PDB file of N, CA and C in Angstrom:
ATOM      1  N   MET A   1     -19.031  15.804   5.843  1.00  0.00           N
ATOM      2  CA  MET A   1     -18.421  14.868   4.621  1.00  0.00           C
ATOM      3  C   MET A   1     -19.367  14.340   4.036  1.00  0.00           C
ATOM      4  N   LEU A   2     -19.661  13.981   2.915  1.00  0.00           N
ATOM      5  CA  LEU A   2     -20.494  14.088   1.493  1.00  0.00           C
ATOM      6  C   LEU A   2     -21.234  12.229   2.059  1.00  0.00           C
ATOM      7  N   PHE A   3     -22.280  11.846   1.390  1.00  0.00           N
ATOM      8  CA  PHE A   3     -22.490  10.488   2.257  1.00  0.00           C
ATOM      9  C   PHE A   3     -21.541   9.535   1.402  1.00  0.00           C
ATOM     10  N   ILE A   4     -21.716  10.334  -0.490  1.00  0.00           N
ATOM     11  CA  ILE A   4     -20.684   9.294  -0.985  1.00  0.00           C
ATOM     12  C   ILE A   4     -19.379   9.175  -0.688  1.00  0.00           C
ATOM     13  N   GLU A   5     -18.419   9.515   0.191  1.00  0.00           N
ATOM     14  CA  GLU A   5     -17.038  10.108   0.383  1.00  0.00           C
ATOM     15  C   GLU A   5     -17.564   8.989   1.559  1.00  0.00           C
ATOM     16  N   ARG A   6     -18.108   9.065   2.574  1.00  0.00           N
ATOM     17  CA  ARG A   6     -18.030   8.493   3.712  1.00  0.00           C
ATOM     18  C   ARG A   6     -18.777   6.687   3.025  1.00  0.00           C
ATOM     19  N   ILE A   7     -19.340   6.450   2.167  1.00  0.00           N
ATOM     20  CA  ILE A   7     -19.712   5.266   1.034  1.00  0.00           C
ATOM     21  C   ILE A   7     -17.798   4.666   0.881  1.00  0.00           C
ATOM     22  N   LYS A   8     -17.322   5.957  -0.041  1.00  0.00           N
ATOM     23  CA  LYS A   8     -16.225   5.199  -0.727  1.00  0.00           C
ATOM     24  C   LYS A   8     -14.982   4.578   0.158  1.00  0.00           C
ATOM     25  N   LEU A   9     -14.977   5.618   1.788  1.00  0.00           N
ATOM     26  CA  LEU A   9     -14.453   5.011   2.711  1.00  0.00           C
ATOM     27  C   LEU A   9     -14.471   4.215   3.673  1.00  0.00           C
ATOM     28  N   ILE A  10     -15.818   2.930   3.239  1.00  0.00           N
ATOM     29  CA  ILE A  10     -16.363   2.357   4.010  1.00  0.00           C
ATOM     30  C   ILE A  10     -16.117   1.231   3.012  1.00  0.00           C
ATOM     31  N   ILE A  11     -15.863   1.152   1.653  1.00  0.00           N
ATOM     32  CA  ILE A  11     -15.991  -0.248   0.880  1.00  0.00           C
ATOM     33  C   ILE A  11     -14.311   0.025   0.379  1.00  0.00           C
ATOM     34  N   CYS A  12     -13.952   0.908   0.372  1.00  0.00           N
ATOM     35  CA  CYS A  12     -13.084   0.783  -1.320  1.00  0.00           C
ATOM     36  C   CYS A  12     -12.009  -0.122   0.159  1.00  0.00           C
ATOM     37  N   PRO A  13     -11.557  -0.263   1.675  1.00  0.00           N
ATOM     38  CA  PRO A  13     -10.683  -1.588   1.811  1.00  0.00           C
ATOM     39  C   PRO A  13     -11.248  -2.874   1.783  1.00  0.00           C
ATOM     40  N   VAL A  14     -12.512  -3.216   1.492  1.00  0.00           N
ATOM     41  CA  VAL A  14     -13.288  -4.084   1.131  1.00  0.00           C
ATOM     42  C   VAL A  14     -12.959  -5.334  -0.226  1.00  0.00           C
ATOM     43  N   VAL A  15     -13.268  -3.531  -0.935  1.00  0.00           N
ATOM     44  CA  VAL A  15     -12.628  -4.122  -2.357  1.00  0.00           C
ATOM     45  C   VAL A  15     -11.159  -4.367  -2.657  1.00  0.00           C
ATOM     46  N   LYS A  16     -10.439  -3.738  -1.729  1.00  0.00           N
ATOM     47  CA  LYS A  16      -8.631  -4.424  -2.084  1.00  0.00           C
ATOM     48  C   LYS A  16      -8.585  -5.137  -2.068  1.00  0.00           C
ATOM     49  N   ILE A  17      -9.156  -5.837  -0.646  1.00  0.00           N
ATOM     50  CA  ILE A  17      -8.998  -7.145   0.305  1.00  0.00           C
ATOM     51  C   ILE A  17      -9.887  -8.083  -0.570  1.00  0.00           C
ATOM     52  N   ARG A  18     -10.729  -7.591  -1.721  1.00  0.00           N
ATOM     53  CA  ARG A  18     -11.286  -9.009  -2.130  1.00  0.00           C
ATOM     54  C   ARG A  18     -11.140  -9.750  -2.543  1.00  0.00           C
ATOM     55  N   ASP A  19     -10.262  -8.439  -3.641  1.00  0.00           N
ATOM     56  CA  ASP A  19      -9.646  -8.992  -5.015  1.00  0.00           C
ATOM     57  C   ASP A  19      -8.916 -10.782  -4.977  1.00  0.00           C
ATOM     58  N   LYS A  20      -7.975 -10.706  -5.459  1.00  0.00           N
ATOM     59  CA  LYS A  20      -6.612 -12.013  -5.563  1.00  0.00           C
ATOM     60  C   LYS A  20      -6.738 -12.890  -3.739  1.00  0.00           C
ATOM     61  N   GLU A  21      -6.396 -11.878  -3.189  1.00  0.00           N
ATOM     62  CA  GLU A  21      -6.120 -12.580  -1.656  1.00  0.00           C
ATOM     63  C   GLU A  21      -7.179 -12.999  -1.113  1.00  0.00           C
ATOM     64  N   LEU A  22      -8.301 -12.826  -0.840  1.00  0.00           N
ATOM     65  CA  LEU A  22      -9.260 -13.282  -0.372  1.00  0.00           C
ATOM     66  C   LEU A  22      -9.780 -14.315  -1.300  1.00  0.00           C
ATOM     67  N   LEU A  23      -9.811 -14.228  -3.230  1.00  0.00           N
ATOM     68  CA  LEU A  23     -10.726 -15.066  -3.520  1.00  0.00           C
ATOM     69  C   LEU A  23      -9.632 -16.695  -3.599  1.00  0.00           C
ATOM     70  N   ARG A  24      -8.047 -16.169  -3.425  1.00  0.00           N
ATOM     71  CA  ARG A  24      -6.838 -17.087  -3.349  1.00  0.00           C
ATOM     72  C   ARG A  24      -7.000 -17.586  -2.024  1.00  0.00           C
ATOM     73  N   LEU A  25      -7.272 -17.147  -0.718  1.00  0.00           N
ATOM     74  CA  LEU A  25      -7.440 -18.221   0.566  1.00  0.00           C
ATOM     75  C   LEU A  25      -8.724 -18.906   0.614  1.00  0.00           C
ATOM     76  N   PHE A  26      -9.827 -18.522   0.114  1.00  0.00           N
ATOM     77  CA  PHE A  26     -11.024 -19.148  -0.422  1.00  0.00           C
ATOM     78  C   PHE A  26     -11.151 -20.298  -0.849  1.00  0.00           C
ATOM     79  N   GLY A  27     -10.337 -20.020  -2.111  1.00  0.00           N
ATOM     80  CA  GLY A  27     -10.624 -21.129  -3.351  1.00  0.00           C
ATOM     81  C   GLY A  27      -9.048 -22.507  -2.015  1.00  0.00           C
ATOM     82  N   HIS A  28      -8.348 -22.403  -1.681  1.00  0.00           N
ATOM     83  CA  HIS A  28      -7.893 -23.137  -0.403  1.00  0.00           C
ATOM     84  C   HIS A  28      -8.282 -23.700   0.016  1.00  0.00           C
ATOM     85  N   GLN A  29      -8.841 -23.378   0.775  1.00  0.00           N
ATOM     86  CA  GLN A  29     -10.162 -23.650   2.003  1.00  0.00           C
ATOM     87  C   GLN A  29     -11.214 -24.983   1.432  1.00  0.00           C
ATOM     88  N   LEU A  30     -11.595 -24.652   0.358  1.00  0.00           N
ATOM     89  CA  LEU A  30     -12.501 -25.133  -0.181  1.00  0.00           C
ATOM     90  C   LEU A  30     -11.791 -26.386  -0.103  1.00  0.00           C
ATOM     91  N   ARG A  31     -10.450 -26.052  -1.086  1.00  0.00           N
ATOM     92  CA  ARG A  31      -9.441 -28.243  -1.796  1.00  0.00           C
ATOM     93  C   ARG A  31      -9.409 -28.747  -0.332  1.00  0.00           C
ATOM     94  N   LYS A  32      -9.205 -27.589   0.502  1.00  0.00           N
ATOM     95  CA  LYS A  32      -9.201 -28.168   2.120  1.00  0.00           C
ATOM     96  C   LYS A  32      -9.877 -28.784   2.079  1.00  0.00           C
ATOM     97  N   VAL A  33     -11.347 -28.602   2.845  1.00  0.00           N
ATOM     98  CA  VAL A  33     -12.033 -29.786   3.192  1.00  0.00           C
ATOM     99  C   VAL A  33     -12.624 -30.472   2.270  1.00  0.00           C
ATOM    100  N   ARG A  34     -12.536 -29.643   1.117  1.00  0.00           N
ATOM    101  CA  ARG A  34     -13.020 -31.371   0.268  1.00  0.00           C
ATOM    102  C   ARG A  34     -12.197 -32.027   0.224  1.00  0.00           C
ATOM    103  N   THR A  35     -10.994 -32.366   0.259  1.00  0.00           N
ATOM    104  CA  THR A  35      -9.865 -32.738  -0.233  1.00  0.00           C
ATOM    105  C   THR A  35     -10.101 -34.231   1.401  1.00  0.00           C
ATOM    106  N   GLN A  36     -10.443 -33.172   2.412  1.00  0.00           N
ATOM    107  CA  GLN A  36     -10.361 -33.810   3.755  1.00  0.00           C
ATOM    108  C   GLN A  36     -11.741 -35.199   3.551  1.00  0.00           C
ATOM    109  N   ARG A  37     -12.325 -34.600   3.214  1.00  0.00           N
ATOM    110  CA  ARG A  37     -14.695 -35.370   3.288  1.00  0.00           C
ATOM    111  C   ARG A  37     -13.774 -36.127   2.074  1.00  0.00           C
ATOM    112  N   GLY A  38     -12.718 -36.432   1.544  1.00  0.00           N
ATOM    113  CA  GLY A  38     -12.371 -37.744   0.153  1.00  0.00           C
ATOM    114  C   GLY A  38     -12.983 -37.981  -1.180  1.00  0.00           C
ATOM    115  N   MET A  39     -13.314 -36.221  -0.941  1.00  0.00           N
ATOM    116  CA  MET A  39     -14.518 -35.935  -2.082  1.00  0.00           C
ATOM    117  C   MET A  39     -13.742 -35.251  -3.637  1.00  0.00           C
ATOM    118  N   THR A  40     -13.810 -35.563  -4.107  1.00  0.00           N
ATOM    119  CA  THR A  40     -12.938 -35.086  -5.971  1.00  0.00           C
ATOM    120  C   THR A  40     -13.921 -33.902  -6.320  1.00  0.00           C
ATOM    121  N   GLN A  41     -12.783 -33.509  -7.218  1.00  0.00           N
ATOM    122  CA  GLN A  41     -13.311 -32.298  -7.550  1.00  0.00           C
ATOM    123  C   GLN A  41     -14.713 -32.383  -9.395  1.00  0.00           C
ATOM    124  N   GLN A  42     -14.484 -33.498  -9.420  1.00  0.00           N
ATOM    125  CA  GLN A  42     -16.102 -33.959 -10.151  1.00  0.00           C
ATOM    126  C   GLN A  42     -17.237 -34.210  -9.199  1.00  0.00           C
ATOM    127  N   ALA A  43     -17.305 -35.288  -8.316  1.00  0.00           N
ATOM    128  CA  ALA A  43     -17.762 -35.496  -7.335  1.00  0.00           C
ATOM    129  C   ALA A  43     -18.699 -34.201  -6.777  1.00  0.00           C
ATOM    130  N   LEU A  44     -17.591 -33.016  -6.523  1.00  0.00           N
ATOM    131  CA  LEU A  44     -18.401 -31.626  -5.663  1.00  0.00           C
ATOM    132  C   LEU A  44     -18.670 -30.845  -6.740  1.00  0.00           C
ATOM    133  N   ALA A  45     -18.439 -31.216  -7.783  1.00  0.00           N
ATOM    134  CA  ALA A  45     -19.638 -30.417  -8.817  1.00  0.00           C
ATOM    135  C   ALA A  45     -20.505 -31.225  -9.636  1.00  0.00           C
ATOM    136  N   ASP A  46     -20.272 -32.641  -9.485  1.00  0.00           N
ATOM    137  CA  ASP A  46     -22.262 -33.241  -9.784  1.00  0.00           C
ATOM    138  C   ASP A  46     -23.196 -32.700  -8.710  1.00  0.00           C
ATOM    139  N   GLU A  47     -22.269 -32.521  -8.026  1.00  0.00           N
ATOM    140  CA  GLU A  47     -23.413 -32.982  -6.169  1.00  0.00           C
ATOM    141  C   GLU A  47     -23.769 -31.582  -6.045  1.00  0.00           C
ATOM    142  N   SER A  48     -22.905 -30.393  -6.897  1.00  0.00           N
ATOM    143  CA  SER A  48     -23.463 -29.333  -7.112  1.00  0.00           C
ATOM    144  C   SER A  48     -23.874 -28.495  -7.923  1.00  0.00           C
ATOM    145  N   GLU A  49     -24.179 -29.201  -9.146  1.00  0.00           N
ATOM    146  CA  GLU A  49     -24.600 -28.916 -10.213  1.00  0.00           C
ATOM    147  C   GLU A  49     -23.776 -28.057 -11.100  1.00  0.00           C
ATOM    148  N   LEU A  50     -22.031 -28.131 -10.858  1.00  0.00           N
ATOM    149  CA  LEU A  50     -21.974 -27.633 -11.545  1.00  0.00           C
ATOM    150  C   LEU A  50     -20.834 -27.530 -12.342  1.00  0.00           C
ATOM    151  N   TRP A  51     -19.974 -27.129 -13.276  1.00  0.00           N
ATOM    152  CA  TRP A  51     -19.138 -27.689 -14.021  1.00  0.00           C
ATOM    153  C   TRP A  51     -18.119 -27.854 -13.214  1.00  0.00           C
ATOM    154  N   LEU A  52     -16.968 -29.103 -13.797  1.00  0.00           N
ATOM    155  CA  LEU A  52     -15.499 -29.238 -13.228  1.00  0.00           C
ATOM    156  C   LEU A  52     -14.737 -27.957 -13.197  1.00  0.00           C
ATOM    157  N   SER A  53     -14.948 -27.421 -14.569  1.00  0.00           N
ATOM    158  CA  SER A  53     -13.967 -26.310 -14.890  1.00  0.00           C
ATOM    159  C   SER A  53     -13.848 -25.117 -13.356  1.00  0.00           C
ATOM    160  N   GLN A  54     -15.440 -25.089 -13.487  1.00  0.00           N
ATOM    161  CA  GLN A  54     -15.995 -23.455 -12.454  1.00  0.00           C
ATOM    162  C   GLN A  54     -15.093 -24.291 -10.789  1.00  0.00           C
ATOM    163  N   VAL A  55     -15.181 -25.495 -10.685  1.00  0.00           N
ATOM    164  CA  VAL A  55     -14.491 -25.847  -9.030  1.00  0.00           C
ATOM    165  C   VAL A  55     -13.029 -25.562  -9.031  1.00  0.00           C
ATOM    166  N   GLY A  56     -12.563 -25.755 -10.879  1.00  0.00           N
ATOM    167  CA  GLY A  56     -11.544 -25.408 -10.642  1.00  0.00           C
ATOM    168  C   GLY A  56     -10.919 -24.307 -10.202  1.00  0.00           C
ATOM    169  N   ARG A  57     -11.048 -23.904 -11.256  1.00  0.00           N
ATOM    170  CA  ARG A  57     -11.358 -22.153 -10.644  1.00  0.00           C
ATOM    171  C   ARG A  57     -11.535 -21.355  -9.875  1.00  0.00           C
ATOM    172  N   ILE A  58     -12.867 -21.860  -9.214  1.00  0.00           N
ATOM    173  CA  ILE A  58     -13.620 -21.315  -7.804  1.00  0.00           C
ATOM    174  C   ILE A  58     -11.678 -21.534  -7.405  1.00  0.00           C
ATOM    175  N   GLU A  59     -11.189 -22.779  -6.402  1.00  0.00           N
ATOM    176  CA  GLU A  59     -10.486 -23.089  -5.913  1.00  0.00           C
ATOM    177  C   GLU A  59      -8.586 -22.600  -6.199  1.00  0.00           C
ATOM    178  N   ARG A  60      -8.841 -22.299  -7.680  1.00  0.00           N
ATOM    179  CA  ARG A  60      -7.245 -21.592  -7.583  1.00  0.00           C
ATOM    180  C   ARG A  60      -7.343 -20.071  -7.588  1.00  0.00           C
ATOM    181  N   GLY A  61      -8.586 -19.581  -6.477  1.00  0.00           N
ATOM    182  CA  GLY A  61      -9.047 -18.246  -6.096  1.00  0.00           C
ATOM    183  C   GLY A  61      -9.624 -17.553  -7.833  1.00  0.00           C
ATOM    184  N   GLU A  62     -10.024 -17.649  -8.812  1.00  0.00           N
ATOM    185  CA  GLU A  62     -10.111 -17.317 -10.295  1.00  0.00           C
ATOM    186  C   GLU A  62     -11.421 -16.641 -10.001  1.00  0.00           C
ATOM    187  N   VAL A  63     -12.411 -16.903  -9.541  1.00  0.00           N
ATOM    188  CA  VAL A  63     -13.724 -16.630  -8.855  1.00  0.00           C
ATOM    189  C   VAL A  63     -14.008 -16.297  -8.001  1.00  0.00           C
ATOM    190  N   ASN A  64     -15.062 -15.129  -8.091  1.00  0.00           N
ATOM    191  CA  ASN A  64     -15.546 -15.012  -7.334  1.00  0.00           C
ATOM    192  C   ASN A  64     -17.144 -15.310  -6.896  1.00  0.00           C
ATOM    193  N   VAL A  65     -17.149 -15.898  -5.956  1.00  0.00           N
ATOM    194  CA  VAL A  65     -18.357 -16.270  -5.806  1.00  0.00           C
ATOM    195  C   VAL A  65     -19.487 -16.325  -4.822  1.00  0.00           C
ATOM    196  N   THR A  66     -20.773 -16.133  -4.827  1.00  0.00           N
ATOM    197  CA  THR A  66     -21.127 -15.693  -4.259  1.00  0.00           C
ATOM    198  C   THR A  66     -22.132 -15.756  -3.036  1.00  0.00           C
ATOM    199  N   LEU A  67     -21.954 -15.700  -2.085  1.00  0.00           N
ATOM    200  CA  LEU A  67     -23.282 -16.038  -0.778  1.00  0.00           C
ATOM    201  C   LEU A  67     -24.295 -17.753  -1.300  1.00  0.00           C
ATOM    202  N   SER A  68     -24.498 -17.067  -1.979  1.00  0.00           N
ATOM    203  CA  SER A  68     -25.471 -18.655  -2.485  1.00  0.00           C
ATOM    204  C   SER A  68     -24.838 -20.189  -2.758  1.00  0.00           C
ATOM    205  N   MET A  69     -23.408 -19.046  -3.226  1.00  0.00           N
ATOM    206  CA  MET A  69     -22.612 -20.374  -3.970  1.00  0.00           C
ATOM    207  C   MET A  69     -21.824 -21.030  -3.037  1.00  0.00           C
ATOM    208  N   ILE A  70     -21.437 -20.146  -2.163  1.00  0.00           N
ATOM    209  CA  ILE A  70     -20.834 -20.795  -0.908  1.00  0.00           C
ATOM    210  C   ILE A  70     -21.275 -21.489  -0.094  1.00  0.00           C
ATOM    211  N   ALA A  71     -23.665 -21.709  -0.013  1.00  0.00           N
ATOM    212  CA  ALA A  71     -24.079 -21.870   1.264  1.00  0.00           C
ATOM    213  C   ALA A  71     -24.239 -23.337   0.007  1.00  0.00           C
ATOM    214  N   VAL A  72     -24.136 -23.865  -1.509  1.00  0.00           N
ATOM    215  CA  VAL A  72     -25.054 -24.242  -2.144  1.00  0.00           C
ATOM    216  C   VAL A  72     -23.453 -25.413  -1.679  1.00  0.00           C
ATOM    217  N   LEU A  73     -22.227 -25.309  -1.929  1.00  0.00           N
ATOM    218  CA  LEU A  73     -20.929 -25.847  -1.251  1.00  0.00           C
ATOM    219  C   LEU A  73     -20.893 -26.851  -0.393  1.00  0.00           C
ATOM    220  N   ALA A  74     -21.438 -25.704   0.806  1.00  0.00           N
ATOM    221  CA  ALA A  74     -21.060 -26.068   2.410  1.00  0.00           C
ATOM    222  C   ALA A  74     -22.081 -27.502   2.379  1.00  0.00           C
ATOM    223  N   ARG A  75     -23.251 -27.085   1.315  1.00  0.00           N
ATOM    224  CA  ARG A  75     -24.330 -28.074   1.565  1.00  0.00           C
ATOM    225  C   ARG A  75     -23.960 -29.463   0.759  1.00  0.00           C
ATOM    226  N   THR A  76     -23.437 -29.173   0.147  1.00  0.00           N
ATOM    227  CA  THR A  76     -22.225 -30.710  -1.116  1.00  0.00           C
ATOM    228  C   THR A  76     -21.616 -31.382  -0.121  1.00  0.00           C
ATOM    229  N   LEU A  77     -20.651 -30.540   0.723  1.00  0.00           N
ATOM    230  CA  LEU A  77     -19.479 -31.257   1.258  1.00  0.00           C
ATOM    231  C   LEU A  77     -20.203 -31.196   2.804  1.00  0.00           C
ATOM    232  N   LYS A  78     -21.170 -31.460   3.182  1.00  0.00           N
ATOM    233  CA  LYS A  78     -21.857 -31.272   4.638  1.00  0.00           C
ATOM    234  C   LYS A  78     -21.485 -31.274   5.764  1.00  0.00           C
ATOM    235  N   VAL A  79     -20.688 -29.500   5.736  1.00  0.00           N
ATOM    236  CA  VAL A  79     -19.881 -28.433   7.015  1.00  0.00           C
ATOM    237  C   VAL A  79     -20.798 -27.640   6.958  1.00  0.00           C
ATOM    238  N   ASP A  80     -20.762 -26.736   8.145  1.00  0.00           N
ATOM    239  CA  ASP A  80     -21.452 -25.434   7.990  1.00  0.00           C
ATOM    240  C   ASP A  80     -20.789 -24.930   7.277  1.00  0.00           C
ATOM    241  N   LEU A  81     -21.417 -23.890   7.266  1.00  0.00           N
ATOM    242  CA  LEU A  81     -20.994 -22.649   5.894  1.00  0.00           C
ATOM    243  C   LEU A  81     -19.502 -22.178   6.033  1.00  0.00           C
ATOM    244  N   LYS A  82     -19.792 -21.884   7.884  1.00  0.00           N
ATOM    245  CA  LYS A  82     -19.065 -20.669   8.394  1.00  0.00           C
ATOM    246  C   LYS A  82     -16.879 -22.149   7.831  1.00  0.00           C
ATOM    247  N   GLU A  83     -17.062 -23.534   7.451  1.00  0.00           N
ATOM    248  CA  GLU A  83     -16.141 -23.982   7.870  1.00  0.00           C
ATOM    249  C   GLU A  83     -15.525 -23.726   5.960  1.00  0.00           C
ATOM    250  N   LEU A  84     -16.076 -23.358   5.577  1.00  0.00           N
ATOM    251  CA  LEU A  84     -15.628 -22.637   4.687  1.00  0.00           C
ATOM    252  C   LEU A  84     -15.104 -21.283   4.528  1.00  0.00           C
ATOM    253  N   VAL A  85     -15.155 -20.274   5.309  1.00  0.00           N
ATOM    254  CA  VAL A  85     -14.638 -19.561   5.550  1.00  0.00           C
ATOM    255  C   VAL A  85     -13.998 -19.175   6.806  1.00  0.00           C
ATOM    256  N   ASP A  86     -13.088 -20.145   7.182  1.00  0.00           N
ATOM    257  CA  ASP A  86     -12.662 -20.480   8.441  1.00  0.00           C
ATOM    258  C   ASP A  86     -10.893 -20.038   8.151  1.00  0.00           C
ATOM    259  N   PHE A  87     -10.773 -19.117   7.919  1.00  0.00           N
ATOM    260  CA  PHE A  87      -9.110 -18.756   7.386  1.00  0.00           C
ATOM    261  C   PHE A  87      -8.611 -17.277   7.522  1.00  0.00           C
ATOM    262  N   GLU A  88      -7.608 -16.723   7.742  1.00  0.00           N
ATOM    263  CA  GLU A  88      -7.183 -15.674   8.265  1.00  0.00           C
ATOM    264  C   GLU A  88      -6.870 -14.687   6.998  1.00  0.00           C
ATOM    265  N   LEU A  89      -7.525 -13.176   7.059  1.00  0.00           N
ATOM    266  CA  LEU A  89      -7.719 -12.225   6.032  1.00  0.00           C
ATOM    267  C   LEU A  89      -6.310 -11.659   6.574  1.00  0.00           C
ATOM    268  N   PRO A  90      -5.872 -11.092   4.874  1.00  0.00           N
ATOM    269  CA  PRO A  90      -4.527 -10.552   5.581  1.00  0.00           C
ATOM    270  C   PRO A  90      -5.745  -9.256   6.488  1.00  0.00           C
ATOM    271  N   PRO A  91      -4.020  -8.700   6.790  1.00  0.00           N
ATOM    272  CA  PRO A  91      -5.051  -7.494   7.462  1.00  0.00           C
ATOM    273  C   PRO A  91      -5.425  -6.113   6.444  1.00  0.00           C
ATOM    274  N   PHE A  92      -6.207  -4.994   6.959  1.00  0.00           N
ATOM    275  CA  PHE A  92      -6.801  -4.237   5.717  1.00  0.00           C
ATOM    276  C   PHE A  92      -5.934  -3.214   5.740  1.00  0.00           C
ATOM    277  N   GLU A  93      -5.805  -1.991   4.572  1.00  0.00           N
ATOM    278  CA  GLU A  93      -4.920  -0.852   4.312  1.00  0.00           C
ATOM    279  C   GLU A  93      -5.830  -0.397   4.626  1.00  0.00           C
ATOM    280  N   ASN A  94      -5.667   0.808   5.514  1.00  0.00           N
ATOM    281  CA  ASN A  94      -6.309   1.924   5.052  1.00  0.00           C
ATOM    282  C   ASN A  94      -5.386   3.276   4.908  1.00  0.00           C
ATOM    283  N   GLN A  95      -5.728   2.470   3.713  1.00  0.00           N
ATOM    284  CA  GLN A  95      -5.280   4.294   2.823  1.00  0.00           C
ATOM    285  C   GLN A  95      -6.102   4.503   2.192  1.00  0.00           C
ATOM    286  N   GLN A  96      -6.447   5.819   2.203  1.00  0.00           N
ATOM    287  CA  GLN A  96      -7.580   6.203   0.717  1.00  0.00           C
ATOM    288  C   GLN A  96      -6.829   6.376   0.026  1.00  0.00           C
ATOM    289  N   GLU A  97      -7.766   6.328  -1.241  1.00  0.00           N
ATOM    290  CA  GLU A  97      -6.947   6.306  -2.991  1.00  0.00           C
ATOM    291  C   GLU A  97      -7.147   8.348  -3.148  1.00  0.00           C
ATOM    292  N   HIS A  98      -7.019   8.494  -3.753  1.00  0.00           N
ATOM    293  CA  HIS A  98      -6.944   9.844  -4.613  1.00  0.00           C
ATOM    294  C   HIS A  98      -7.424  10.095  -5.658  1.00  0.00           C
TER     295      HIS A  98
END
């Protein structure tokens, strides 16, 4: 098997799941943690130096945030980074695309 084909087998399941469901789950978790902390979207945006609309888009699962952005959000919310990613992922589909 060629090296590129091996990389495709490793990456493809991650790319599939990353899309909508993972972003939606992360956004839901962010909203949950934020509201538990009694923080508004505006306060989170201000303290994280984000636009309010960006926070809303993240919480709706419309934005693929970077790891560094997740760390900024965690620091702003005064939680461990792992708390923001504490949710169940749907199972990987083990199908190869042709």
